[in-house]
Protein backbone atom coordinates (compact mmCIF):
# COMPACT_ATOMS: atom_id res chain seq x y z
CA MET A 1 0.00 0.00 0.00
CA PRO A 2 0.92 2.90 0.73
CA ASP A 3 3.10 5.51 0.45
CA LEU A 4 1.43 7.80 2.88
CA THR A 5 3.86 10.42 1.72
CA SER A 6 4.12 8.69 -1.64
CA ARG A 7 2.04 5.42 -1.18
CA ARG A 8 0.31 2.23 -2.01
CA GLY A 9 -4.05 -7.16 -14.06
CA LEU A 10 -6.02 -8.91 -15.51
CA LEU A 11 -6.47 -7.13 -18.79
CA PHE A 12 -4.32 -4.34 -20.21
CA GLY A 13 -1.59 -3.93 -17.59
CA THR A 14 1.50 -1.77 -18.00
CA ALA A 15 4.84 -3.36 -18.83
CA ALA A 16 6.81 -4.37 -15.75
CA VAL A 17 9.61 -6.65 -14.60
CA SER A 18 8.06 -9.46 -12.55
CA ALA A 19 9.68 -9.32 -9.12
CA GLY A 20 8.49 -12.76 -8.07
CA ALA A 21 9.96 -14.55 -11.07
CA LEU A 22 13.37 -12.92 -10.99
CA LEU A 23 15.08 -15.18 -8.49
CA ALA A 24 13.42 -18.52 -9.05
CA GLY A 25 16.66 -20.44 -9.58
CA CYS A 26 19.91 -20.64 -11.47
CA THR A 27 20.08 -20.27 -15.22
CA SER A 28 20.36 -23.54 -17.08
CA ASN A 29 23.89 -22.84 -18.32
CA GLU A 30 25.33 -22.27 -14.83
CA LYS A 31 27.98 -24.78 -13.80
CA ASP A 32 29.24 -23.56 -10.45
CA ASP A 33 29.51 -20.55 -8.17
CA LYS A 34 32.37 -19.18 -10.24
CA GLY A 35 30.14 -18.86 -13.27
CA LYS A 36 32.29 -20.92 -15.66
CA ALA A 37 29.45 -21.89 -17.97
CA GLY A 38 29.90 -20.36 -21.42
CA SER A 39 32.58 -17.71 -21.17
CA SER A 40 32.40 -15.14 -18.35
CA GLN A 41 28.81 -15.83 -17.24
CA GLN A 42 28.21 -14.44 -13.75
CA PRO A 43 26.28 -16.76 -11.42
CA ALA A 44 22.69 -15.95 -10.57
CA ALA A 45 21.30 -15.99 -7.06
CA ASP A 46 19.42 -19.13 -6.08
CA ASP A 47 18.17 -20.88 -2.96
CA LYS A 48 21.41 -22.73 -2.28
CA PRO A 49 23.42 -21.28 0.63
CA GLY A 50 26.18 -18.91 -0.43
CA LYS A 51 28.18 -16.07 1.02
CA ALA A 52 26.78 -14.83 4.35
CA VAL A 53 25.01 -11.48 3.97
CA THR A 54 23.76 -9.08 6.64
CA ILE A 55 20.85 -6.98 5.38
CA GLY A 56 19.77 -3.89 7.26
CA PHE A 57 16.04 -3.21 6.89
CA ALA A 58 14.58 0.20 7.75
CA GLY A 59 10.93 1.04 7.23
CA PRO A 60 8.31 3.42 8.60
CA GLN A 61 6.02 2.68 11.52
CA ALA A 62 3.61 -0.15 10.68
CA ASP A 63 0.47 1.92 11.32
CA HIS A 64 -1.39 0.53 8.32
CA GLY A 65 -2.14 -3.05 7.35
CA TRP A 66 -0.05 -2.81 4.19
CA LEU A 67 2.99 -1.46 6.03
CA ASN A 68 2.77 -4.22 8.63
CA ALA A 69 2.63 -6.74 5.78
CA ILE A 70 5.79 -5.18 4.31
CA ASN A 71 7.66 -5.94 7.54
CA GLU A 72 6.25 -9.47 7.73
CA GLN A 73 7.17 -10.21 4.12
CA ALA A 74 10.75 -9.03 4.68
CA ARG A 75 11.18 -11.11 7.84
CA ALA A 76 9.69 -14.26 6.31
CA ARG A 77 11.84 -13.99 3.20
CA ALA A 78 15.03 -13.48 5.20
CA GLU A 79 14.23 -16.53 7.34
CA LYS A 80 14.08 -18.61 4.18
CA TYR A 81 17.84 -18.18 3.69
CA THR A 82 20.41 -19.67 6.05
CA ASP A 83 23.01 -17.24 4.68
CA VAL A 84 21.01 -14.07 5.47
CA THR A 85 20.97 -12.14 8.75
CA LEU A 86 18.27 -9.47 8.89
CA ASP A 87 18.92 -6.45 11.11
CA ILE A 88 15.53 -4.72 11.21
CA THR A 89 14.78 -1.37 12.85
CA GLU A 90 11.69 -0.62 14.91
CA GLY A 91 10.35 1.71 12.22
CA SER A 92 9.24 5.30 12.61
CA ASN A 93 7.27 7.97 10.77
CA ASP A 94 9.54 10.62 12.29
CA THR A 95 12.18 11.53 9.71
CA ALA A 96 14.93 12.31 12.22
CA THR A 97 14.34 9.03 14.05
CA GLN A 98 14.47 6.99 10.85
CA ILE A 99 17.64 8.76 9.73
CA GLY A 100 19.22 7.86 13.07
CA GLN A 101 18.14 4.22 12.70
CA ILE A 102 19.67 3.99 9.22
CA GLU A 103 22.90 5.68 10.32
CA THR A 104 23.19 3.08 13.07
CA LEU A 105 22.94 0.34 10.41
CA ILE A 106 25.57 2.14 8.33
CA ASN A 107 27.89 2.29 11.34
CA LYS A 108 27.34 -1.44 11.89
CA LYS A 109 28.66 -1.90 8.34
CA VAL A 110 25.80 -4.10 7.16
CA ASP A 111 26.40 -5.55 3.70
CA VAL A 112 23.24 -4.15 2.07
CA LEU A 113 20.46 -1.80 3.12
CA VAL A 114 16.77 -2.11 2.26
CA ILE A 115 15.00 1.18 3.00
CA LEU A 116 11.32 2.07 2.77
CA PRO A 117 11.54 5.75 3.72
CA ALA A 118 8.78 7.49 5.60
CA ASP A 119 9.56 10.41 3.28
CA GLY A 120 11.61 9.68 0.17
CA ALA A 121 12.84 13.25 -0.35
CA ALA A 122 13.79 13.76 3.30
CA LEU A 123 15.74 10.48 3.45
CA THR A 124 17.64 10.96 0.18
CA GLN A 125 20.81 12.27 1.83
CA THR A 126 20.86 9.22 4.10
CA GLY A 127 20.63 6.92 1.09
CA LEU A 128 23.50 8.84 -0.51
CA LYS A 129 25.52 8.47 2.69
CA ALA A 130 25.09 4.69 2.64
CA MET A 131 26.01 4.41 -1.03
CA ARG A 132 29.11 6.56 -0.50
CA ALA A 133 30.08 4.28 2.39
CA GLY A 134 30.06 1.36 -0.03
CA ILE A 135 26.77 -0.10 1.21
CA PRO A 136 24.38 -0.71 -1.72
CA VAL A 137 20.81 0.43 -1.08
CA VAL A 138 17.61 -1.23 -2.24
CA ASN A 139 15.02 1.56 -2.17
CA LEU A 140 11.59 0.08 -1.45
CA ASP A 141 8.40 1.74 -2.71
CA ARG A 142 8.71 5.44 -1.75
CA ILE A 143 11.48 6.63 -4.01
CA PHE A 144 14.43 8.82 -3.10
CA SER A 145 14.84 12.13 -4.91
CA SER A 146 18.14 11.11 -6.49
CA PRO A 147 18.94 7.85 -8.33
CA GLN A 148 22.41 8.10 -6.81
CA ALA A 149 20.87 7.30 -3.42
CA PHE A 150 20.05 3.70 -4.37
CA ARG A 151 21.36 0.81 -6.41
CA CYS A 152 17.93 -0.66 -7.09
CA TRP A 153 14.36 0.55 -6.65
CA VAL A 154 11.56 -1.97 -6.01
CA GLY A 155 7.99 -0.76 -5.83
CA GLY A 156 4.41 -0.80 -7.01
CA ASP A 157 2.64 0.64 -10.03
CA ASN A 158 0.12 3.26 -8.98
CA TYR A 159 -0.78 4.24 -12.53
CA GLY A 160 -1.16 0.55 -13.35
CA MET A 161 -3.56 0.09 -10.43
CA GLY A 162 -5.91 2.69 -11.87
CA LEU A 163 -5.45 1.42 -15.40
CA ASN A 164 -6.28 -2.18 -14.52
CA ALA A 165 -9.20 -1.19 -12.28
CA GLY A 166 -10.60 0.92 -15.11
CA HIS A 167 -10.24 -1.83 -17.69
CA TYR A 168 -11.82 -4.40 -15.37
CA ILE A 169 -14.82 -2.16 -14.76
CA GLY A 170 -14.92 -1.20 -18.43
CA GLU A 171 -15.14 -4.80 -19.56
CA LYS A 172 -17.90 -5.49 -17.05
CA LEU A 173 -19.93 -2.48 -18.23
CA LYS A 174 -19.06 -2.37 -21.93
CA ASP A 175 -22.57 -3.50 -22.90
CA THR A 176 -24.34 -1.18 -20.44
CA LYS A 177 -25.82 1.91 -22.04
CA ASP A 178 -24.96 5.21 -20.34
CA ALA A 179 -23.00 3.49 -17.58
CA LYS A 180 -21.97 5.64 -14.62
CA VAL A 181 -19.01 5.07 -12.31
CA VAL A 182 -17.75 6.79 -9.15
CA GLU A 183 -14.31 6.87 -7.53
CA LEU A 184 -13.28 6.82 -3.86
CA ALA A 185 -9.69 8.03 -3.99
CA GLY A 186 -6.98 8.38 -1.37
CA LEU A 187 -5.21 11.51 -0.16
CA ASP A 188 -5.24 14.04 -2.97
CA ASN A 189 -1.99 15.69 -1.92
CA LEU A 190 -0.09 12.50 -2.74
CA GLU A 191 1.34 11.85 -6.19
CA LEU A 192 0.38 8.19 -5.90
CA THR A 193 -3.30 9.16 -5.63
CA ARG A 194 -3.04 11.36 -8.69
CA GLN A 195 -1.37 8.52 -10.60
CA ARG A 196 -4.10 6.06 -9.63
CA THR A 197 -6.79 8.47 -10.78
CA LYS A 198 -4.97 9.20 -14.04
CA GLY A 199 -4.65 5.49 -14.83
CA PHE A 200 -8.35 4.97 -14.09
CA ASP A 201 -9.40 7.91 -16.26
CA ASP A 202 -7.13 6.80 -19.12
CA ALA A 203 -8.63 3.31 -19.06
CA LEU A 204 -12.19 4.65 -19.13
CA LYS A 205 -11.40 6.57 -22.33
CA ASN A 206 -11.56 3.19 -24.10
CA TYR A 207 -15.23 2.83 -23.14
CA PRO A 208 -17.31 5.70 -24.61
CA ASN A 209 -20.47 4.38 -22.95
CA ILE A 210 -19.02 4.98 -19.46
CA GLU A 211 -18.98 8.30 -17.61
CA LYS A 212 -17.30 9.00 -14.27
CA VAL A 213 -19.94 11.08 -12.50
CA ALA A 214 -18.39 11.62 -9.06
CA ARG A 215 -15.15 11.38 -7.07
CA GLN A 216 -14.37 11.77 -3.38
CA ALA A 217 -10.92 11.75 -1.75
CA ALA A 218 -10.58 9.85 1.53
CA GLU A 219 -7.50 9.38 3.75
CA PHE A 220 -6.65 5.65 3.60
CA THR A 221 -8.46 5.06 6.92
CA VAL A 222 -11.61 3.12 7.78
CA GLU A 223 -13.25 6.23 9.24
CA SER A 224 -12.58 8.43 6.22
CA GLY A 225 -13.70 5.70 3.86
CA GLN A 226 -17.02 5.40 5.65
CA ALA A 227 -17.63 9.15 5.77
CA LYS A 228 -16.68 9.87 2.16
CA MET A 229 -18.57 6.86 0.82
CA ALA A 230 -21.68 8.00 2.65
CA GLN A 231 -21.36 11.35 0.88
CA LEU A 232 -21.01 9.66 -2.50
CA LEU A 233 -24.06 7.50 -1.90
CA GLN A 234 -26.13 10.45 -0.81
CA ALA A 235 -25.13 12.52 -3.85
CA GLN A 236 -25.48 9.70 -6.41
CA SER A 237 -28.78 7.86 -6.33
CA GLN A 238 -27.75 5.53 -9.15
CA PHE A 239 -24.42 4.33 -10.60
CA HIS A 240 -23.06 1.07 -11.92
CA ALA A 241 -19.53 0.72 -10.48
CA LEU A 242 -17.23 2.09 -7.79
CA TRP A 243 -13.44 2.03 -7.70
CA ASN A 244 -11.97 2.42 -4.21
CA HIS A 245 -8.20 3.08 -4.08
CA ASP A 246 -7.47 1.27 -0.82
CA ASP A 247 -8.87 -1.81 0.89
CA ASP A 248 -8.35 -0.41 4.41
CA GLN A 249 -10.56 2.59 3.70
CA GLY A 250 -12.73 0.13 1.79
CA VAL A 251 -13.75 -1.46 5.11
CA GLY A 252 -15.39 1.82 6.00
CA ALA A 253 -16.83 2.23 2.52
CA LEU A 254 -18.52 -1.15 2.77
CA ARG A 255 -20.02 -0.16 6.13
CA ALA A 256 -21.54 2.94 4.54
CA ILE A 257 -22.86 0.87 1.64
CA ASP A 258 -24.47 -1.64 4.02
CA GLN A 259 -26.00 1.14 6.11
CA ALA A 260 -27.49 2.69 2.97
CA GLY A 261 -28.87 -0.68 1.86
CA ARG A 262 -27.29 -0.32 -1.57
CA ASP A 263 -26.39 -3.32 -3.72
CA ASP A 264 -27.07 -1.95 -7.19
CA PHE A 265 -23.46 -1.61 -8.35
CA LEU A 266 -20.15 -3.49 -8.40
CA MET A 267 -17.12 -2.39 -6.39
CA VAL A 268 -13.41 -2.82 -7.14
CA GLY A 269 -10.91 -2.25 -4.32
CA GLY A 270 -7.20 -1.60 -4.16
CA ALA A 271 -4.06 -3.02 -2.49
CA GLY A 272 -5.00 -6.62 -1.58
CA ALA A 273 -6.22 -6.89 2.01
CA LEU A 274 -7.26 -10.30 3.31
CA SER A 275 -10.69 -8.92 4.24
CA ALA A 276 -11.18 -7.91 0.61
CA PHE A 277 -10.13 -11.35 -0.64
CA GLU A 278 -12.56 -13.01 1.77
CA ALA A 279 -15.44 -10.77 0.64
CA ILE A 280 -14.62 -11.47 -3.00
CA LYS A 281 -14.55 -15.20 -2.35
CA ALA A 282 -17.86 -15.11 -0.45
CA ASP A 283 -19.41 -13.19 -3.36
CA ASP A 284 -22.35 -12.02 -1.26
CA GLY A 285 -21.87 -8.26 -1.57
CA VAL A 286 -20.89 -5.48 -3.96
CA LEU A 287 -17.11 -6.06 -3.74
CA LYS A 288 -16.19 -8.17 -6.76
CA ALA A 289 -12.48 -7.51 -7.27
CA THR A 290 -9.42 -5.69 -5.95
CA VAL A 291 -6.31 -4.45 -7.73
CA LEU A 292 -3.01 -5.37 -6.07
CA TYR A 293 -0.31 -3.15 -4.67
CA PRO A 294 1.51 -6.23 -3.40
CA PRO A 295 3.47 -6.14 -0.13
CA THR A 296 5.43 -9.08 -1.53
CA MET A 297 7.66 -6.39 -3.02
CA ALA A 298 9.44 -6.44 0.36
CA ALA A 299 10.28 -10.12 -0.10
CA SER A 300 11.60 -9.34 -3.57
CA ALA A 301 13.70 -6.53 -2.07
CA ILE A 302 15.30 -9.06 0.30
CA ASP A 303 15.99 -11.40 -2.64
CA LEU A 304 17.66 -8.60 -4.57
CA ALA A 305 19.62 -7.40 -1.54
CA ARG A 306 20.93 -10.93 -1.00
CA ALA A 307 21.99 -11.15 -4.64
CA LEU A 308 23.76 -7.78 -4.31
CA GLY A 309 25.54 -8.88 -1.14
CA GLN A 310 26.71 -12.07 -2.81
CA GLY A 311 27.77 -10.29 -5.99
CA LYS A 312 25.36 -12.31 -8.09
CA GLY A 313 22.92 -11.60 -10.86
CA VAL A 314 19.31 -12.57 -11.33
CA SER A 315 18.09 -15.84 -12.79
CA GLY A 316 16.15 -15.49 -16.02
CA LEU A 317 17.90 -12.30 -17.15
CA ALA A 318 20.90 -12.15 -19.47
CA GLU A 319 22.51 -9.23 -17.64
CA PHE A 320 25.25 -9.95 -15.09
CA GLU A 321 23.78 -7.56 -12.52
CA ILE A 322 20.40 -7.14 -10.84
CA PRO A 323 18.08 -4.58 -12.50
CA SER A 324 18.13 -0.94 -11.44
CA GLN A 325 14.31 -0.94 -11.14
CA VAL A 326 11.68 -3.59 -10.50
CA THR A 327 7.99 -2.66 -10.73
CA ALA A 328 5.48 -5.06 -9.21
CA TYR A 329 2.46 -5.81 -11.40
CA SER A 330 -0.99 -4.62 -10.29
CA ALA A 331 -2.94 -7.80 -10.91
CA VAL A 332 -6.72 -7.82 -10.67
CA VAL A 333 -8.01 -10.38 -8.15
CA ASP A 334 -11.61 -11.55 -8.51
CA LYS A 335 -13.51 -14.72 -7.71
CA SER A 336 -11.78 -16.60 -10.54
CA ASN A 337 -8.30 -16.33 -9.00
CA VAL A 338 -8.75 -15.20 -5.40
CA ASP A 339 -7.66 -18.55 -3.91
CA GLN A 340 -4.25 -18.09 -5.50
CA TYR A 341 -3.73 -14.75 -3.75
CA MET A 342 -5.15 -15.60 -0.32
CA PRO A 343 -1.69 -16.35 1.17
CA ILE A 344 -0.50 -12.79 0.52
CA GLY A 345 -3.61 -10.98 1.80
CA PHE A 346 -2.75 -8.64 4.66
CA ASP A 347 -4.73 -7.79 7.82
């Protein structure tokens, strides 16, 4: 989810490198850890134990379900490897505190840093400090202001979330004359919110029979979702579909919908909360799908940090080094595939 200072496909998704598939195993022409297959082929990271790596992990305070899932994904992935030691900070939304936590990891001389900054711009100098100290940085989700502050960025696709939500709704309503849709967005002062709305609007341009008739901005909280959804329902007596940017605020939105006794439209959520998956599977309400902003990106960040620490590349790619950017795909989860995604749903 979220970048709360820069936060949290079934059909026409944007192009992206698949984080989950990058480190599935060695390439078929690998012979040993010295990479002697072919000519100067560098070995790719795999599950076999290798050089011991200490990864420092610094994230913001887990005050949202998605952020807590980020921490859990990082811990679980690190535990998978016997050659990885994870040094994880407590996490803070206070910039000065997080800078201090990262500087402590730098002073410990960890091999690699994974940083999800509370504020990407404010933490940029700290990322630069780590890189200058010879500690490669994997920048997770909220991006630093300078590409010199990280070796690799791993994050979600906010534009792709809106695009895939719009196409999903568009395909469902393409045969509906004069279809109307509404949007429950997140914080409007965040670029991620603007990107999600832009993707949604761009997708709807492919469906001339559909008009977006209303939009409200909430705050990624249950309370704001309930209040803003109630306003939408009061202002719009009839519409065919709702896109809600965030499943946490969607809990409140669904409360407002139940209180209003409305069931005359379909709803698509965002991010991938377990509660949303369960509602989709039950199929007894308006929520029919959600568009992922997967917290598994933290697990991929650990994979990439381990590969960096071991001086290895990535299986499945011809390049000798890990990519400079990895964008997680915003898949649409509906009743047809929800069982597959249940294990990564977050509370």
